[in-house]
Amino acid sequence: MPERRFYGVMLVSTGTVLWSLAGLFVRSIALGVWDLILWRSVFACLCLLAIGMVRPTSGSIFSWKGSIAACLSATAMFCYVSALTLTTVANVLIIYATLPFVTAVLAWVTAREATSRRLLIASTVSVSGIVVVAGTSPSESDMAGNLLALAMTISFGGLLILTRRYATLNLVHVNAAGAAMCAIAAWPFSSGQIPSIEALLLIILLALLTTALAFVLFLAGGRHVASSEAALIALLDVILGPLWVWLAFAENPGNGAIVGGLLVIASVAWYFWPSLRQR
């Protein structure tokens, strides 16, 4: 493996591992959902602004494209944390793993981008995996969490399409603005109390590790590996995320989540396999 590609794989892998810790942090923080969203968004915004100062890049969010991107980012952040508080980490991450197919569908709807037969087959299999997950969810809370996870995936897919179509968008600033919008939206519904020192430390780690640092590492490593490889490495999140909460809190994902997760992972791996084989 060439040195630069190995470097890229290590960065993408590290970023994915950090992402996978989000569910563990959410389970460890004893706060209401609105307080959790508020403080996580505040510190995520501060961390991203700090990264923007250390690694300045061109691009502005003060345009219609930047504003839409910031709104999509805020929606994804809000739905992600909310979903983690309502259903299992496994359900949220399995639904999120369908991101490549959700993005492809959105690209076809908005710009009539061509889709392949292989993509349609993989998408159908991944949707069947989501149906299995949703069909075995035992409560209304799980169903609400699944719907929020789907909304998060759609929002993030729309953000990916915008950033790919408009390369001048400053992703650090866009996500910082999204975090600020999320904090403003959560403020009226929060308790108005400052969390304990322990909770604040956990929230800071949640924002720093799973948002800011993971974001920078994944994007930096993605410059040195193929997008298909990065997408497959990102599937580690689907496996590691539920594993951490199972080890720490004995959160059982359930047979439905296991079967549905295997279907989703298999469909993504099968879809990207030709490009990996060519490399």
Protein backbone atom coordinates (compact mmCIF):
# COMPACT_ATOMS: atom_id res chain seq x y z
CA MET A 1 0.00 0.00 0.00
CA PRO A 2 1.55 3.36 -1.02
CA GLU A 3 2.46 5.64 1.86
CA ARG A 4 -0.08 8.38 1.06
CA ARG A 5 -2.93 5.89 0.64
CA PHE A 6 -2.00 4.18 3.92
CA TYR A 7 -1.98 7.60 5.58
CA GLY A 8 -5.43 8.33 4.14
CA VAL A 9 -6.86 4.98 5.26
CA MET A 10 -5.57 5.56 8.79
CA LEU A 11 -7.10 9.05 8.97
CA VAL A 12 -10.47 7.92 7.60
CA SER A 13 -10.49 4.93 9.96
CA THR A 14 -9.64 7.10 12.97
CA GLY A 15 -12.36 9.58 12.06
CA THR A 16 -14.89 6.74 11.74
CA VAL A 17 -13.93 5.27 15.12
CA LEU A 18 -14.41 8.69 16.72
CA TRP A 19 -17.80 9.05 15.02
CA SER A 20 -18.85 5.69 16.43
CA LEU A 21 -18.47 7.01 20.00
CA ALA A 22 -21.41 9.43 19.68
CA GLY A 23 -24.00 6.94 20.93
CA LEU A 24 -21.81 6.02 23.90
CA PHE A 25 -21.49 9.68 24.93
CA VAL A 26 -25.23 10.31 24.52
CA ARG A 27 -26.03 7.32 26.73
CA SER A 28 -23.51 8.56 29.34
CA ILE A 29 -24.87 12.12 29.64
CA ALA A 30 -27.78 12.44 32.07
CA LEU A 31 -29.56 15.38 30.45
CA GLY A 32 -32.92 15.99 28.80
CA VAL A 33 -32.90 15.88 25.02
CA TRP A 34 -33.29 19.66 24.60
CA ASP A 35 -30.47 20.44 27.04
CA LEU A 36 -28.28 17.84 25.35
CA ILE A 37 -28.94 19.28 21.88
CA LEU A 38 -28.33 22.82 23.14
CA TRP A 39 -25.00 22.26 24.85
CA ARG A 40 -23.69 19.80 22.29
CA SER A 41 -24.47 22.31 19.53
CA VAL A 42 -22.82 25.17 21.41
CA PHE A 43 -19.55 23.31 21.91
CA ALA A 44 -19.63 21.81 18.41
CA CYS A 45 -19.97 25.34 17.00
CA LEU A 46 -17.04 26.57 19.10
CA CYS A 47 -14.85 23.61 18.09
CA LEU A 48 -15.62 24.08 14.39
CA LEU A 49 -14.94 27.82 14.59
CA ALA A 50 -11.59 27.04 16.22
CA ILE A 51 -10.78 24.65 13.38
CA GLY A 52 -11.80 27.33 10.89
CA MET A 53 -9.29 29.74 12.44
CA VAL A 54 -6.49 27.16 12.54
CA ARG A 55 -7.17 25.91 8.99
CA PRO A 56 -8.63 28.90 7.13
CA THR A 57 -10.25 28.13 3.79
CA SER A 58 -12.11 30.15 1.21
CA GLY A 59 -15.86 30.22 0.77
CA SER A 60 -18.74 31.91 2.51
CA ILE A 61 -22.04 30.83 4.06
CA PHE A 62 -23.68 34.20 3.39
CA SER A 63 -25.46 33.12 0.20
CA TRP A 64 -28.58 31.15 -0.61
CA LYS A 65 -26.46 28.02 -1.13
CA GLY A 66 -24.66 28.47 2.19
CA SER A 67 -27.92 29.20 3.99
CA ILE A 68 -29.60 26.04 2.66
CA ALA A 69 -26.51 23.98 3.51
CA ALA A 70 -26.48 25.37 7.07
CA CYS A 71 -30.18 24.54 7.49
CA LEU A 72 -29.59 20.97 6.28
CA SER A 73 -26.64 20.64 8.66
CA ALA A 74 -28.73 21.91 11.58
CA THR A 75 -31.53 19.48 10.74
CA ALA A 76 -29.13 16.55 10.56
CA MET A 77 -27.53 17.46 13.91
CA PHE A 78 -30.89 17.87 15.64
CA CYS A 79 -32.37 14.66 14.27
CA TYR A 80 -29.21 12.64 15.03
CA VAL A 81 -29.09 13.46 18.75
CA SER A 82 -32.88 13.19 19.10
CA ALA A 83 -32.93 9.79 17.39
CA LEU A 84 -30.21 8.46 19.70
CA THR A 85 -32.34 9.36 22.73
CA LEU A 86 -35.45 7.61 21.38
CA THR A 87 -34.22 4.33 19.92
CA THR A 88 -31.19 2.07 19.96
CA VAL A 89 -27.87 3.19 18.57
CA ALA A 90 -27.97 0.21 16.20
CA ASN A 91 -31.25 1.34 14.61
CA VAL A 92 -29.96 4.88 14.05
CA LEU A 93 -26.68 3.77 12.47
CA ILE A 94 -28.27 1.09 10.28
CA ILE A 95 -30.61 3.68 8.76
CA TYR A 96 -27.71 6.12 8.37
CA ALA A 97 -25.73 3.45 6.49
CA THR A 98 -28.16 3.83 3.58
CA LEU A 99 -26.72 7.31 2.96
CA PRO A 100 -25.11 6.42 -0.44
CA PHE A 101 -28.47 5.29 -1.81
CA VAL A 102 -30.45 8.14 -0.27
CA THR A 103 -27.99 10.59 -1.82
CA ALA A 104 -28.32 8.91 -5.22
CA VAL A 105 -32.13 9.13 -5.08
CA LEU A 106 -31.98 12.81 -4.09
CA ALA A 107 -29.55 13.50 -6.92
CA TRP A 108 -31.92 11.85 -9.39
CA VAL A 109 -34.94 13.79 -8.07
CA THR A 110 -33.20 17.19 -8.02
CA ALA A 111 -30.94 16.94 -11.07
CA ARG A 112 -31.99 13.76 -12.90
CA GLU A 113 -28.53 12.28 -12.38
CA ALA A 114 -28.31 8.87 -14.01
CA THR A 115 -28.67 5.78 -11.85
CA SER A 116 -27.37 2.30 -12.64
CA ARG A 117 -29.14 -1.03 -12.36
CA ARG A 118 -26.63 -2.04 -9.69
CA LEU A 119 -27.56 1.01 -7.62
CA LEU A 120 -31.28 0.23 -7.89
CA ILE A 121 -30.72 -3.36 -6.75
CA ALA A 122 -28.52 -2.30 -3.82
CA SER A 123 -30.99 0.40 -2.84
CA THR A 124 -33.86 -2.09 -2.84
CA VAL A 125 -31.94 -4.47 -0.59
CA SER A 126 -30.96 -1.67 1.79
CA VAL A 127 -34.58 -0.48 1.99
CA SER A 128 -35.64 -4.02 2.86
CA GLY A 129 -33.10 -3.88 5.69
CA ILE A 130 -34.69 -0.68 7.00
CA VAL A 131 -38.13 -2.32 6.76
CA VAL A 132 -36.87 -5.21 8.89
CA VAL A 133 -35.48 -2.76 11.47
CA ALA A 134 -38.66 -0.69 11.54
CA GLY A 135 -40.94 -3.72 11.55
CA THR A 136 -39.27 -5.19 14.62
CA SER A 137 -39.21 -1.92 16.59
CA PRO A 138 -41.32 -2.65 19.67
CA SER A 139 -42.52 0.81 20.70
CA GLU A 140 -43.68 4.20 19.47
CA SER A 141 -40.44 5.69 20.80
CA ASP A 142 -38.43 3.38 18.54
CA MET A 143 -40.56 4.31 15.54
CA ALA A 144 -40.09 8.02 16.25
CA GLY A 145 -36.35 7.47 16.58
CA ASN A 146 -36.26 5.57 13.28
CA LEU A 147 -38.12 8.38 11.51
CA LEU A 148 -35.72 10.97 12.94
CA ALA A 149 -32.75 8.84 11.83
CA LEU A 150 -34.23 8.72 8.32
CA ALA A 151 -34.75 12.51 8.37
CA MET A 152 -31.14 12.92 9.47
CA THR A 153 -29.93 10.72 6.62
CA ILE A 154 -31.99 12.62 4.04
CA SER A 155 -30.75 15.97 5.36
CA PHE A 156 -27.13 14.85 5.26
CA GLY A 157 -27.63 13.45 1.76
CA GLY A 158 -28.94 16.83 0.62
CA LEU A 159 -25.91 18.50 2.22
CA LEU A 160 -23.56 16.16 0.34
CA ILE A 161 -25.24 16.99 -2.97
CA LEU A 162 -24.91 20.73 -2.31
CA THR A 163 -21.25 20.49 -1.33
CA ARG A 164 -20.47 18.38 -4.38
CA ARG A 165 -22.33 20.73 -6.74
CA TYR A 166 -20.93 23.94 -5.20
CA ALA A 167 -17.30 23.30 -4.36
CA THR A 168 -16.81 26.84 -3.02
CA LEU A 169 -18.94 26.11 0.06
CA ASN A 170 -16.88 26.31 3.24
CA LEU A 171 -17.86 23.10 5.03
CA VAL A 172 -16.35 24.09 8.38
CA HIS A 173 -18.27 27.37 8.45
CA VAL A 174 -21.45 25.74 7.14
CA ASN A 175 -21.45 23.13 9.90
CA ALA A 176 -20.54 25.75 12.52
CA ALA A 177 -23.53 27.82 11.39
CA GLY A 178 -25.70 24.69 11.45
CA ALA A 179 -24.62 23.98 15.03
CA ALA A 180 -25.40 27.58 16.02
CA MET A 181 -28.88 27.33 14.43
CA CYS A 182 -29.46 24.06 16.27
CA ALA A 183 -28.50 25.67 19.58
CA ILE A 184 -30.81 28.64 18.96
CA ALA A 185 -33.73 26.31 18.12
CA ALA A 186 -33.19 24.20 21.26
CA TRP A 187 -32.72 27.14 23.66
CA PRO A 188 -36.45 27.98 24.27
CA PHE A 189 -37.21 24.33 25.14
CA SER A 190 -34.20 23.72 27.40
CA SER A 191 -34.28 23.87 31.19
CA GLY A 192 -32.08 26.99 31.24
CA GLN A 193 -29.79 25.37 33.80
CA ILE A 194 -26.05 24.85 33.41
CA PRO A 195 -25.19 21.12 33.48
CA SER A 196 -22.88 19.62 36.07
CA ILE A 197 -19.12 19.67 35.54
CA GLU A 198 -19.14 15.96 34.69
CA ALA A 199 -21.90 16.41 32.10
CA LEU A 200 -20.16 19.45 30.59
CA LEU A 201 -16.90 17.53 30.23
CA LEU A 202 -18.71 14.68 28.48
CA ILE A 203 -20.52 17.14 26.18
CA ILE A 204 -17.23 18.86 25.30
CA LEU A 205 -15.70 15.48 24.44
CA LEU A 206 -18.82 14.60 22.41
CA ALA A 207 -18.51 17.82 20.41
CA LEU A 208 -14.73 17.72 20.04
CA LEU A 209 -14.21 14.05 19.23
CA THR A 210 -17.36 13.00 17.38
CA THR A 211 -18.04 16.25 15.52
CA ALA A 212 -15.01 18.50 15.01
CA LEU A 213 -12.05 16.11 15.11
CA ALA A 214 -13.82 13.25 13.32
CA PHE A 215 -14.95 15.69 10.62
CA VAL A 216 -11.42 17.00 9.98
CA LEU A 217 -9.76 13.57 10.03
CA PHE A 218 -12.30 11.98 7.69
CA LEU A 219 -12.14 14.79 5.13
CA ALA A 220 -8.33 14.99 5.29
CA GLY A 221 -7.99 11.24 4.81
CA GLY A 222 -10.59 11.21 2.05
CA ARG A 223 -8.20 13.18 -0.16
CA HIS A 224 -5.85 10.18 -0.34
CA VAL A 225 -8.27 7.26 -0.83
CA ALA A 226 -11.05 6.48 -3.28
CA SER A 227 -14.53 7.59 -2.27
CA SER A 228 -15.71 3.96 -2.43
CA GLU A 229 -13.02 2.94 0.05
CA ALA A 230 -13.93 5.80 2.38
CA ALA A 231 -17.61 4.78 2.19
CA LEU A 232 -16.80 1.18 3.10
CA ILE A 233 -14.52 2.22 5.97
CA ALA A 234 -17.34 4.43 7.24
CA LEU A 235 -19.46 1.28 7.64
CA LEU A 236 -17.31 0.51 10.69
CA ASP A 237 -19.54 3.06 12.42
CA VAL A 238 -22.54 0.73 12.02
CA ILE A 239 -20.64 -2.07 13.78
CA LEU A 240 -18.65 -0.15 16.39
CA GLY A 241 -21.41 2.25 17.51
CA PRO A 242 -23.75 -0.49 18.82
CA LEU A 243 -20.74 -2.43 20.15
CA TRP A 244 -19.64 0.39 22.49
CA VAL A 245 -23.12 0.81 24.04
CA TRP A 246 -23.53 -2.96 24.31
CA LEU A 247 -20.24 -3.24 26.22
CA ALA A 248 -20.94 -0.22 28.45
CA PHE A 249 -24.71 -0.41 28.96
CA ALA A 250 -25.69 -3.90 27.75
CA GLU A 251 -27.96 -2.30 25.11
CA ASN A 252 -29.17 -5.22 23.03
CA PRO A 253 -29.84 -4.15 19.42
CA GLY A 254 -32.27 -7.04 18.89
CA ASN A 255 -32.47 -9.69 16.20
CA GLY A 256 -34.32 -7.38 13.80
CA ALA A 257 -31.55 -4.79 13.95
CA ILE A 258 -28.91 -7.46 13.39
CA VAL A 259 -30.69 -8.92 10.34
CA GLY A 260 -31.54 -5.49 8.92
CA GLY A 261 -28.01 -4.24 9.56
CA LEU A 262 -26.49 -7.19 7.73
CA LEU A 263 -28.75 -6.52 4.74
CA VAL A 264 -27.76 -2.85 4.62
CA ILE A 265 -24.03 -3.50 5.04
CA ALA A 266 -24.11 -6.28 2.43
CA SER A 267 -25.91 -4.04 -0.08
CA VAL A 268 -23.41 -1.18 0.36
CA ALA A 269 -20.40 -3.53 0.16
CA TRP A 270 -21.79 -5.24 -2.95
CA TYR A 271 -22.48 -1.90 -4.64
CA PHE A 272 -18.94 -0.57 -4.09
CA TRP A 273 -17.14 -3.86 -4.76
CA PRO A 274 -16.47 -3.31 -8.53
CA SER A 275 -14.66 0.00 -7.92
CA LEU A 276 -12.60 -1.55 -5.13
CA ARG A 277 -11.70 -4.52 -7.33
CA GLN A 278 -10.56 -2.19 -10.12
CA ARG A 279 -8.23 -0.39 -7.70
